[in-house]
Amino acid sequence: MAGDTGMARKVALLLWAQTLGLAGAQTTQLLVDPPWKPAVLWDQVTLSCQGLGTAGATTWYQDGQHWWQEGPANFTVTASGTYTCDRPSTGLSPPMRVLNGPLSPEARLVLQVPAWELLEGDTVTLRCRCWRDMLVTEVRFYHEDKEVGRSLTGTKLSLSPLQLNHSGRYRCGGWVSSNMSAWMLSAPVTVTVHVAAGVSGAFLFLLLLVGIIVAWYQWHRLDARKHQERPPLDPLALPVEDPHMMYMELQRQPWEPSDTYDNLHQKL
């Protein structure tokens, strides 16, 4: 039974590993804090690389160029650019852009979206920001160049509940107050809404895993019970292993020509 338990454990671990594979765990991820993209340098942005392998084996790239070999798993960004990280076991991460104020025309007015995966049915907020959070008024939001919202003093657009048709390119525009007011338009950002069916699929696979383990356990319990209910074996019913010893025993016993094989066994 110990061997059967070990085999059941191996099957469970194998199926669990397949479940994690279906959930997409074996990829390198680049996380940003605060969790908004594109990130802006005046927010004191921290990038964190997550993947298999040791943290010291992280390789960083800036604007597609090799930048930091065997760097740390996370660091505070001090320069604008597009960053990616690489782990030996899980490969290259998706890119993350970090903008830097008036030095980048596209960073003077920025539309930010949450940096996590957006799922159908969620509540998502887009926010329109100016460099160093200068005042922006009469903000308008556009989806595929069509106006979808406006506010005299607000700078946020809420999408709730999130639907697949919310996917696409968004921009915001507004009056920026500085030495002299000017109308500005942000660079477009892409919103991608994912169907939440992947989570349900992984859950159903987990239920299948539990069912297999329970069935394996019950089958071995039934098999063990059958072995326990069998009657003990009669030594005289076992086949004779040494015919010569049987002949020697028969020489000491009286017997008749009419004796059968079973009668001879009874005399032994």
C-alpha atoms as a PDB file:
ATOM      1  CA  MET A   1       0.000   0.000   0.000  1.00  0.00           C
ATOM      2  CA  ALA A   2       2.934   2.376   0.624  1.00  0.00           C
ATOM      3  CA  GLY A   3       3.958   1.998  -3.010  1.00  0.00           C
ATOM      4  CA  ASP A   4       0.391   2.723  -4.140  1.00  0.00           C
ATOM      5  CA  THR A   5       0.292   5.872  -1.992  1.00  0.00           C
ATOM      6  CA  GLY A   6       3.580   7.045  -3.513  1.00  0.00           C
ATOM      7  CA  MET A   7       2.241   6.454  -7.015  1.00  0.00           C
ATOM      8  CA  ALA A   8      -0.935   8.412  -6.226  1.00  0.00           C
ATOM      9  CA  ARG A   9       1.189  11.290  -4.923  1.00  0.00           C
ATOM     10  CA  LYS A  10       3.265  11.303  -8.127  1.00  0.00           C
ATOM     11  CA  VAL A  11       0.103  11.377 -10.270  1.00  0.00           C
ATOM     12  CA  ALA A  12      -1.278  14.247  -8.185  1.00  0.00           C
ATOM     13  CA  LEU A  13       1.921  16.279  -8.519  1.00  0.00           C
ATOM     14  CA  LEU A  14       2.042  15.689 -12.282  1.00  0.00           C
ATOM     15  CA  LEU A  15      -1.540  16.861 -12.766  1.00  0.00           C
ATOM     16  CA  TRP A  16      -0.972  19.842 -10.486  1.00  0.00           C
ATOM     17  CA  ALA A  17       2.039  20.881 -12.564  1.00  0.00           C
ATOM     18  CA  GLN A  18      -0.104  20.648 -15.697  1.00  0.00           C
ATOM     19  CA  THR A  19      -2.737  22.833 -14.000  1.00  0.00           C
ATOM     20  CA  LEU A  20      -0.138  25.497 -13.250  1.00  0.00           C
ATOM     21  CA  GLY A  21       1.007  25.298 -16.863  1.00  0.00           C
ATOM     22  CA  LEU A  22      -2.558  25.915 -18.044  1.00  0.00           C
ATOM     23  CA  ALA A  23      -2.788  28.907 -15.724  1.00  0.00           C
ATOM     24  CA  GLY A  24       0.176  30.506 -17.461  1.00  0.00           C
ATOM     25  CA  ALA A  25       2.532  30.564 -14.497  1.00  0.00           C
ATOM     26  CA  GLN A  26       5.680  29.733 -16.467  1.00  0.00           C
ATOM     27  CA  THR A  27       6.323  33.167 -17.999  1.00  0.00           C
ATOM     28  CA  THR A  28       8.451  36.153 -17.008  1.00  0.00           C
ATOM     29  CA  GLN A  29       6.371  39.102 -15.798  1.00  0.00           C
ATOM     30  CA  LEU A  30       7.464  42.729 -15.412  1.00  0.00           C
ATOM     31  CA  LEU A  31       5.474  44.441 -12.644  1.00  0.00           C
ATOM     32  CA  VAL A  32       5.292  48.189 -12.110  1.00  0.00           C
ATOM     33  CA  ASP A  33       4.562  50.155  -8.937  1.00  0.00           C
ATOM     34  CA  PRO A  34       2.432  52.290  -8.899  1.00  0.00           C
ATOM     35  CA  PRO A  35       0.432  49.832 -11.067  1.00  0.00           C
ATOM     36  CA  TRP A  36      -0.340  52.134 -14.012  1.00  0.00           C
ATOM     37  CA  LYS A  37       0.861  52.177 -17.594  1.00  0.00           C
ATOM     38  CA  PRO A  38       2.424  53.955 -19.228  1.00  0.00           C
ATOM     39  CA  ALA A  39       4.381  54.735 -16.065  1.00  0.00           C
ATOM     40  CA  VAL A  40       5.571  58.304 -15.434  1.00  0.00           C
ATOM     41  CA  LEU A  41       8.924  59.128 -13.902  1.00  0.00           C
ATOM     42  CA  TRP A  42       7.575  61.692 -11.402  1.00  0.00           C
ATOM     43  CA  ASP A  43       5.710  58.860  -9.629  1.00  0.00           C
ATOM     44  CA  GLN A  44       8.984  57.236  -8.380  1.00  0.00           C
ATOM     45  CA  VAL A  45       8.431  54.069 -10.390  1.00  0.00           C
ATOM     46  CA  THR A  46       9.708  50.657  -9.248  1.00  0.00           C
ATOM     47  CA  LEU A  47      10.016  47.765 -11.713  1.00  0.00           C
ATOM     48  CA  SER A  48      10.041  44.144 -10.495  1.00  0.00           C
ATOM     49  CA  CYS A  49      10.968  41.106 -12.590  1.00  0.00           C
ATOM     50  CA  GLN A  50       9.212  37.862 -11.660  1.00  0.00           C
ATOM     51  CA  GLY A  51      10.071  34.461 -13.134  1.00  0.00           C
ATOM     52  CA  LEU A  52      11.827  31.170 -12.468  1.00  0.00           C
ATOM     53  CA  GLY A  53      15.459  31.091 -11.397  1.00  0.00           C
ATOM     54  CA  THR A  54      17.506  33.131  -8.929  1.00  0.00           C
ATOM     55  CA  ALA A  55      16.906  36.866  -8.629  1.00  0.00           C
ATOM     56  CA  GLY A  56      20.586  37.576  -9.346  1.00  0.00           C
ATOM     57  CA  ALA A  57      20.231  35.994 -12.788  1.00  0.00           C
ATOM     58  CA  THR A  58      17.977  38.840 -14.020  1.00  0.00           C
ATOM     59  CA  THR A  59      19.083  40.653 -17.179  1.00  0.00           C
ATOM     60  CA  TRP A  60      17.599  44.082 -17.919  1.00  0.00           C
ATOM     61  CA  TYR A  61      17.152  45.816 -21.290  1.00  0.00           C
ATOM     62  CA  GLN A  62      16.419  49.491 -21.960  1.00  0.00           C
ATOM     63  CA  ASP A  63      15.051  50.573 -25.347  1.00  0.00           C
ATOM     64  CA  GLY A  64      15.982  47.167 -26.772  1.00  0.00           C
ATOM     65  CA  GLN A  65      19.646  47.439 -25.704  1.00  0.00           C
ATOM     66  CA  HIS A  66      21.426  45.259 -23.164  1.00  0.00           C
ATOM     67  CA  TRP A  67      21.548  47.443 -20.045  1.00  0.00           C
ATOM     68  CA  TRP A  68      22.155  45.470 -16.822  1.00  0.00           C
ATOM     69  CA  GLN A  69      23.646  41.961 -16.635  1.00  0.00           C
ATOM     70  CA  GLU A  70      22.947  39.927 -13.464  1.00  0.00           C
ATOM     71  CA  GLY A  71      20.979  42.818 -12.015  1.00  0.00           C
ATOM     72  CA  PRO A  72      18.551  42.777  -9.060  1.00  0.00           C
ATOM     73  CA  ALA A  73      14.971  41.537  -9.316  1.00  0.00           C
ATOM     74  CA  ASN A  74      13.654  45.090  -8.751  1.00  0.00           C
ATOM     75  CA  PHE A  75      14.917  48.666  -8.870  1.00  0.00           C
ATOM     76  CA  THR A  76      13.709  52.288  -8.884  1.00  0.00           C
ATOM     77  CA  VAL A  77      13.685  53.819 -12.368  1.00  0.00           C
ATOM     78  CA  THR A  78      15.683  57.026 -12.855  1.00  0.00           C
ATOM     79  CA  ALA A  79      15.499  57.419 -16.649  1.00  0.00           C
ATOM     80  CA  SER A  80      12.695  57.242 -19.184  1.00  0.00           C
ATOM     81  CA  GLY A  81      12.571  54.450 -21.743  1.00  0.00           C
ATOM     82  CA  THR A  82      11.068  51.054 -22.560  1.00  0.00           C
ATOM     83  CA  TYR A  83      12.228  48.327 -20.181  1.00  0.00           C
ATOM     84  CA  THR A  84      12.173  44.525 -20.392  1.00  0.00           C
ATOM     85  CA  CYS A  85      13.746  41.844 -18.197  1.00  0.00           C
ATOM     86  CA  ASP A  86      14.921  38.303 -18.858  1.00  0.00           C
ATOM     87  CA  ARG A  87      15.101  35.192 -16.664  1.00  0.00           C
ATOM     88  CA  PRO A  88      17.025  32.123 -17.986  1.00  0.00           C
ATOM     89  CA  SER A  89      14.188  29.667 -17.295  1.00  0.00           C
ATOM     90  CA  THR A  90      11.190  31.732 -18.412  1.00  0.00           C
ATOM     91  CA  GLY A  91      12.535  34.097 -21.073  1.00  0.00           C
ATOM     92  CA  LEU A  92      11.870  37.736 -21.897  1.00  0.00           C
ATOM     93  CA  SER A  93       9.085  39.758 -20.265  1.00  0.00           C
ATOM     94  CA  PRO A  94       6.585  42.046 -22.022  1.00  0.00           C
ATOM     95  CA  PRO A  95       7.819  45.673 -22.303  1.00  0.00           C
ATOM     96  CA  MET A  96       7.004  48.490 -19.879  1.00  0.00           C
ATOM     97  CA  ARG A  97       7.249  52.167 -20.903  1.00  0.00           C
ATOM     98  CA  VAL A  98       8.313  54.894 -18.483  1.00  0.00           C
ATOM     99  CA  LEU A  99       7.743  58.529 -19.628  1.00  0.00           C
ATOM    100  CA  ASN A 100       9.443  61.690 -18.364  1.00  0.00           C
ATOM    101  CA  GLY A 101       7.501  64.935 -18.373  1.00  0.00           C
ATOM    102  CA  PRO A 102       8.133  67.850 -20.742  1.00  0.00           C
ATOM    103  CA  LEU A 103      11.238  66.213 -22.208  1.00  0.00           C
ATOM    104  CA  SER A 104       8.817  63.847 -23.964  1.00  0.00           C
ATOM    105  CA  PRO A 105       5.972  65.633 -25.798  1.00  0.00           C
ATOM    106  CA  GLU A 106       3.775  62.558 -25.323  1.00  0.00           C
ATOM    107  CA  ALA A 107       4.290  62.764 -21.540  1.00  0.00           C
ATOM    108  CA  ARG A 108       2.907  66.301 -21.126  1.00  0.00           C
ATOM    109  CA  LEU A 109      -0.564  64.817 -21.037  1.00  0.00           C
ATOM    110  CA  VAL A 110      -0.821  61.107 -20.300  1.00  0.00           C
ATOM    111  CA  LEU A 111      -3.756  58.703 -20.256  1.00  0.00           C
ATOM    112  CA  GLN A 112      -3.018  55.815 -17.889  1.00  0.00           C
ATOM    113  CA  VAL A 113      -4.702  52.411 -17.627  1.00  0.00           C
ATOM    114  CA  PRO A 114      -4.290  49.779 -14.869  1.00  0.00           C
ATOM    115  CA  ALA A 115      -1.211  47.604 -15.354  1.00  0.00           C
ATOM    116  CA  TRP A 116      -2.924  44.344 -14.418  1.00  0.00           C
ATOM    117  CA  GLU A 117      -4.919  42.030 -16.694  1.00  0.00           C
ATOM    118  CA  LEU A 118      -8.357  43.485 -17.434  1.00  0.00           C
ATOM    119  CA  LEU A 119     -11.147  40.905 -17.263  1.00  0.00           C
ATOM    120  CA  GLU A 120     -14.689  41.062 -18.555  1.00  0.00           C
ATOM    121  CA  GLY A 121     -17.070  42.203 -15.808  1.00  0.00           C
ATOM    122  CA  ASP A 122     -14.455  44.202 -13.844  1.00  0.00           C
ATOM    123  CA  THR A 123     -14.649  47.897 -12.989  1.00  0.00           C
ATOM    124  CA  VAL A 124     -11.776  49.828 -14.582  1.00  0.00           C
ATOM    125  CA  THR A 125     -10.788  53.483 -14.248  1.00  0.00           C
ATOM    126  CA  LEU A 126      -8.728  55.422 -16.820  1.00  0.00           C
ATOM    127  CA  ARG A 127      -7.065  58.620 -15.626  1.00  0.00           C
ATOM    128  CA  CYS A 128      -5.835  61.640 -17.575  1.00  0.00           C
ATOM    129  CA  ARG A 129      -2.772  63.325 -16.025  1.00  0.00           C
ATOM    130  CA  CYS A 130      -0.489  66.218 -16.828  1.00  0.00           C
ATOM    131  CA  TRP A 131       3.231  66.468 -16.031  1.00  0.00           C
ATOM    132  CA  ARG A 132       3.747  66.713 -12.256  1.00  0.00           C
ATOM    133  CA  ASP A 133      -0.033  66.671 -11.884  1.00  0.00           C
ATOM    134  CA  MET A 134      -0.602  70.216 -13.123  1.00  0.00           C
ATOM    135  CA  LEU A 135      -4.244  71.219 -13.328  1.00  0.00           C
ATOM    136  CA  VAL A 136      -6.221  69.841 -16.292  1.00  0.00           C
ATOM    137  CA  THR A 137      -9.777  70.997 -16.975  1.00  0.00           C
ATOM    138  CA  GLU A 138     -12.554  70.232 -19.461  1.00  0.00           C
ATOM    139  CA  VAL A 139     -11.163  66.747 -20.006  1.00  0.00           C
ATOM    140  CA  ARG A 140     -12.569  64.657 -22.842  1.00  0.00           C
ATOM    141  CA  PHE A 141     -12.052  60.940 -23.423  1.00  0.00           C
ATOM    142  CA  TYR A 142     -11.987  59.264 -26.830  1.00  0.00           C
ATOM    143  CA  HIS A 143     -12.372  55.621 -27.851  1.00  0.00           C
ATOM    144  CA  GLU A 144     -11.194  55.005 -31.413  1.00  0.00           C
ATOM    145  CA  ASP A 145     -11.439  58.791 -32.012  1.00  0.00           C
ATOM    146  CA  LYS A 146     -15.057  58.846 -30.825  1.00  0.00           C
ATOM    147  CA  GLU A 147     -15.838  60.898 -27.716  1.00  0.00           C
ATOM    148  CA  VAL A 148     -17.093  58.675 -24.894  1.00  0.00           C
ATOM    149  CA  GLY A 149     -17.006  61.046 -21.927  1.00  0.00           C
ATOM    150  CA  ARG A 150     -16.219  64.557 -20.708  1.00  0.00           C
ATOM    151  CA  SER A 151     -15.899  66.418 -17.417  1.00  0.00           C
ATOM    152  CA  LEU A 152     -15.316  70.064 -16.479  1.00  0.00           C
ATOM    153  CA  THR A 153     -13.178  69.286 -13.443  1.00  0.00           C
ATOM    154  CA  GLY A 154     -12.769  65.477 -13.314  1.00  0.00           C
ATOM    155  CA  THR A 155      -9.874  63.591 -14.898  1.00  0.00           C
ATOM    156  CA  LYS A 156     -11.098  59.980 -14.723  1.00  0.00           C
ATOM    157  CA  LEU A 157     -13.245  57.722 -16.888  1.00  0.00           C
ATOM    158  CA  SER A 158     -14.905  54.634 -15.383  1.00  0.00           C
ATOM    159  CA  LEU A 159     -15.709  51.572 -17.499  1.00  0.00           C
ATOM    160  CA  SER A 160     -18.143  49.373 -15.602  1.00  0.00           C
ATOM    161  CA  PRO A 161     -18.935  46.591 -16.090  1.00  0.00           C
ATOM    162  CA  LEU A 162     -16.032  45.991 -18.453  1.00  0.00           C
ATOM    163  CA  GLN A 163     -17.103  44.399 -21.766  1.00  0.00           C
ATOM    164  CA  LEU A 164     -15.231  43.014 -24.753  1.00  0.00           C
ATOM    165  CA  ASN A 165     -16.306  45.953 -26.918  1.00  0.00           C
ATOM    166  CA  HIS A 166     -14.419  48.269 -24.532  1.00  0.00           C
ATOM    167  CA  SER A 167     -11.160  47.014 -26.068  1.00  0.00           C
ATOM    168  CA  GLY A 168      -9.349  49.442 -28.350  1.00  0.00           C
ATOM    169  CA  ARG A 169      -7.332  52.663 -28.420  1.00  0.00           C
ATOM    170  CA  TYR A 170      -8.144  55.484 -25.979  1.00  0.00           C
ATOM    171  CA  ARG A 171      -6.981  59.101 -25.721  1.00  0.00           C
ATOM    172  CA  CYS A 172      -7.753  62.058 -23.521  1.00  0.00           C
ATOM    173  CA  GLY A 173      -7.587  65.784 -24.158  1.00  0.00           C
ATOM    174  CA  GLY A 174      -7.933  68.861 -21.958  1.00  0.00           C
ATOM    175  CA  TRP A 175      -6.898  72.390 -21.094  1.00  0.00           C
ATOM    176  CA  VAL A 176      -3.606  72.428 -19.199  1.00  0.00           C
ATOM    177  CA  SER A 177      -3.031  75.364 -16.842  1.00  0.00           C
ATOM    178  CA  SER A 178       0.541  76.666 -16.883  1.00  0.00           C
ATOM    179  CA  ASN A 179       1.919  80.110 -17.760  1.00  0.00           C
ATOM    180  CA  MET A 180      -0.703  80.159 -20.465  1.00  0.00           C
ATOM    181  CA  SER A 181      -3.479  77.620 -20.958  1.00  0.00           C
ATOM    182  CA  ALA A 182      -3.179  75.257 -23.874  1.00  0.00           C
ATOM    183  CA  TRP A 183      -5.288  72.424 -25.237  1.00  0.00           C
ATOM    184  CA  MET A 184      -3.355  69.137 -25.238  1.00  0.00           C
ATOM    185  CA  LEU A 185      -4.085  65.659 -26.489  1.00  0.00           C
ATOM    186  CA  SER A 186      -2.508  62.526 -25.048  1.00  0.00           C
ATOM    187  CA  ALA A 187      -0.860  59.739 -26.988  1.00  0.00           C
ATOM    188  CA  PRO A 188      -3.157  56.720 -27.557  1.00  0.00           C
ATOM    189  CA  VAL A 189      -3.085  53.771 -25.160  1.00  0.00           C
ATOM    190  CA  THR A 190      -4.492  50.310 -25.824  1.00  0.00           C
ATOM    191  CA  VAL A 191      -7.070  48.681 -23.568  1.00  0.00           C
ATOM    192  CA  THR A 192      -7.407  44.898 -23.973  1.00  0.00           C
ATOM    193  CA  VAL A 193     -10.305  43.127 -22.259  1.00  0.00           C
ATOM    194  CA  HIS A 194      -9.884  39.385 -21.652  1.00  0.00           C
ATOM    195  CA  VAL A 195     -12.613  36.791 -21.217  1.00  0.00           C
ATOM    196  CA  ALA A 196     -12.560  35.299 -17.717  1.00  0.00           C
ATOM    197  CA  ALA A 197     -13.166  31.761 -19.082  1.00  0.00           C
ATOM    198  CA  GLY A 198      -9.494  30.823 -18.544  1.00  0.00           C
ATOM    199  CA  VAL A 199      -9.990  30.967 -14.782  1.00  0.00           C
ATOM    200  CA  SER A 200     -13.052  28.695 -14.995  1.00  0.00           C
ATOM    201  CA  GLY A 201     -11.158  26.236 -17.191  1.00  0.00           C
ATOM    202  CA  ALA A 202      -8.346  25.949 -14.658  1.00  0.00           C
ATOM    203  CA  PHE A 203     -10.918  25.443 -11.872  1.00  0.00           C
ATOM    204  CA  LEU A 204     -12.639  22.630 -13.783  1.00  0.00           C
ATOM    205  CA  PHE A 205      -9.288  20.956 -14.396  1.00  0.00           C
ATOM    206  CA  LEU A 206      -8.604  21.186 -10.652  1.00  0.00           C
ATOM    207  CA  LEU A 207     -11.918  19.452  -9.939  1.00  0.00           C
ATOM    208  CA  LEU A 208     -10.923  16.702 -12.376  1.00  0.00           C
ATOM    209  CA  LEU A 209      -7.625  16.319 -10.532  1.00  0.00           C
ATOM    210  CA  VAL A 210      -9.429  15.882  -7.197  1.00  0.00           C
ATOM    211  CA  GLY A 211     -11.799  13.329  -8.762  1.00  0.00           C
ATOM    212  CA  ILE A 212      -8.898  11.244 -10.080  1.00  0.00           C
ATOM    213  CA  ILE A 213      -7.183  11.217  -6.681  1.00  0.00           C
ATOM    214  CA  VAL A 214     -10.399  10.204  -4.873  1.00  0.00           C
ATOM    215  CA  ALA A 215     -11.107   7.433  -7.403  1.00  0.00           C
ATOM    216  CA  TRP A 216      -7.530   6.134  -7.069  1.00  0.00           C
ATOM    217  CA  TYR A 217      -7.836   6.049  -3.265  1.00  0.00           C
ATOM    218  CA  GLN A 218     -11.234   4.289  -3.267  1.00  0.00           C
ATOM    219  CA  TRP A 219     -10.062   1.659  -5.778  1.00  0.00           C
ATOM    220  CA  HIS A 220      -7.076   0.728  -3.626  1.00  0.00           C
ATOM    221  CA  ARG A 221      -9.221   0.571  -0.469  1.00  0.00           C
ATOM    222  CA  LEU A 222     -11.586  -1.852  -2.223  1.00  0.00           C
ATOM    223  CA  ASP A 223      -8.677  -3.964  -3.448  1.00  0.00           C
ATOM    224  CA  ALA A 224      -7.193  -4.122   0.062  1.00  0.00           C
ATOM    225  CA  ARG A 225     -10.574  -5.182   1.517  1.00  0.00           C
ATOM    226  CA  LYS A 226     -10.823  -8.063  -0.955  1.00  0.00           C
ATOM    227  CA  HIS A 227      -7.420  -9.322   0.153  1.00  0.00           C
ATOM    228  CA  GLN A 228      -8.479  -9.223   3.814  1.00  0.00           C
ATOM    229  CA  GLU A 229     -11.706 -11.202   3.183  1.00  0.00           C
ATOM    230  CA  ARG A 230      -9.968 -14.176   1.516  1.00  0.00           C
ATOM    231  CA  PRO A 231      -9.918 -17.391   3.723  1.00  0.00           C
ATOM    232  CA  PRO A 232      -6.539 -18.666   4.976  1.00  0.00           C
ATOM    233  CA  LEU A 233      -4.824 -21.198   2.755  1.00  0.00           C
ATOM    234  CA  ASP A 234      -4.700 -24.920   3.782  1.00  0.00           C
ATOM    235  CA  PRO A 235      -1.085 -26.106   3.691  1.00  0.00           C
ATOM    236  CA  LEU A 236      -2.260 -29.602   2.618  1.00  0.00           C
ATOM    237  CA  ALA A 237      -4.016 -28.060  -0.365  1.00  0.00           C
ATOM    238  CA  LEU A 238      -0.802 -26.578  -1.684  1.00  0.00           C
ATOM    239  CA  PRO A 239       1.038 -28.480  -4.451  1.00  0.00           C
ATOM    240  CA  VAL A 240       3.886 -30.693  -3.324  1.00  0.00           C
ATOM    241  CA  GLU A 241       7.158 -28.984  -4.084  1.00  0.00           C
ATOM    242  CA  ASP A 242       9.344 -32.129  -3.682  1.00  0.00           C
ATOM    243  CA  PRO A 243       7.836 -35.363  -5.129  1.00  0.00           C
ATOM    244  CA  HIS A 244      10.667 -37.407  -3.603  1.00  0.00           C
ATOM    245  CA  MET A 245       9.713 -36.304  -0.064  1.00  0.00           C
ATOM    246  CA  MET A 246       6.085 -37.227  -0.778  1.00  0.00           C
ATOM    247  CA  TYR A 247       7.195 -40.730  -1.877  1.00  0.00           C
ATOM    248  CA  MET A 248       9.231 -41.198   1.323  1.00  0.00           C
ATOM    249  CA  GLU A 249       6.225 -40.217   3.450  1.00  0.00           C
ATOM    250  CA  LEU A 250       3.975 -42.669   1.583  1.00  0.00           C
ATOM    251  CA  GLN A 251       6.399 -45.505   2.341  1.00  0.00           C
ATOM    252  CA  ARG A 252       5.581 -45.082   6.055  1.00  0.00           C
ATOM    253  CA  GLN A 253       1.782 -45.112   5.573  1.00  0.00           C
ATOM    254  CA  PRO A 254      -0.451 -48.155   4.868  1.00  0.00           C
ATOM    255  CA  TRP A 255      -2.296 -47.768   1.627  1.00  0.00           C
ATOM    256  CA  GLU A 256      -4.589 -49.707  -0.645  1.00  0.00           C
ATOM    257  CA  PRO A 257      -4.709 -49.930  -4.432  1.00  0.00           C
ATOM    258  CA  SER A 258      -8.126 -48.244  -4.350  1.00  0.00           C
ATOM    259  CA  ASP A 259      -6.773 -45.107  -2.627  1.00  0.00           C
ATOM    260  CA  THR A 260      -7.140 -41.909  -4.613  1.00  0.00           C
ATOM    261  CA  TYR A 261      -4.791 -38.915  -4.692  1.00  0.00           C
ATOM    262  CA  ASP A 262      -7.003 -37.066  -2.199  1.00  0.00           C
ATOM    263  CA  ASN A 263      -7.038 -40.041   0.186  1.00  0.00           C
ATOM    264  CA  LEU A 264      -3.248 -40.176   0.119  1.00  0.00           C
ATOM    265  CA  HIS A 265      -3.115 -36.465   1.027  1.00  0.00           C
ATOM    266  CA  GLN A 266      -5.323 -37.149   4.054  1.00  0.00           C
ATOM    267  CA  LYS A 267      -2.986 -39.865   5.236  1.00  0.00           C
ATOM    268  CA  LEU A 268       0.043 -37.526   5.166  1.00  0.00           C
END
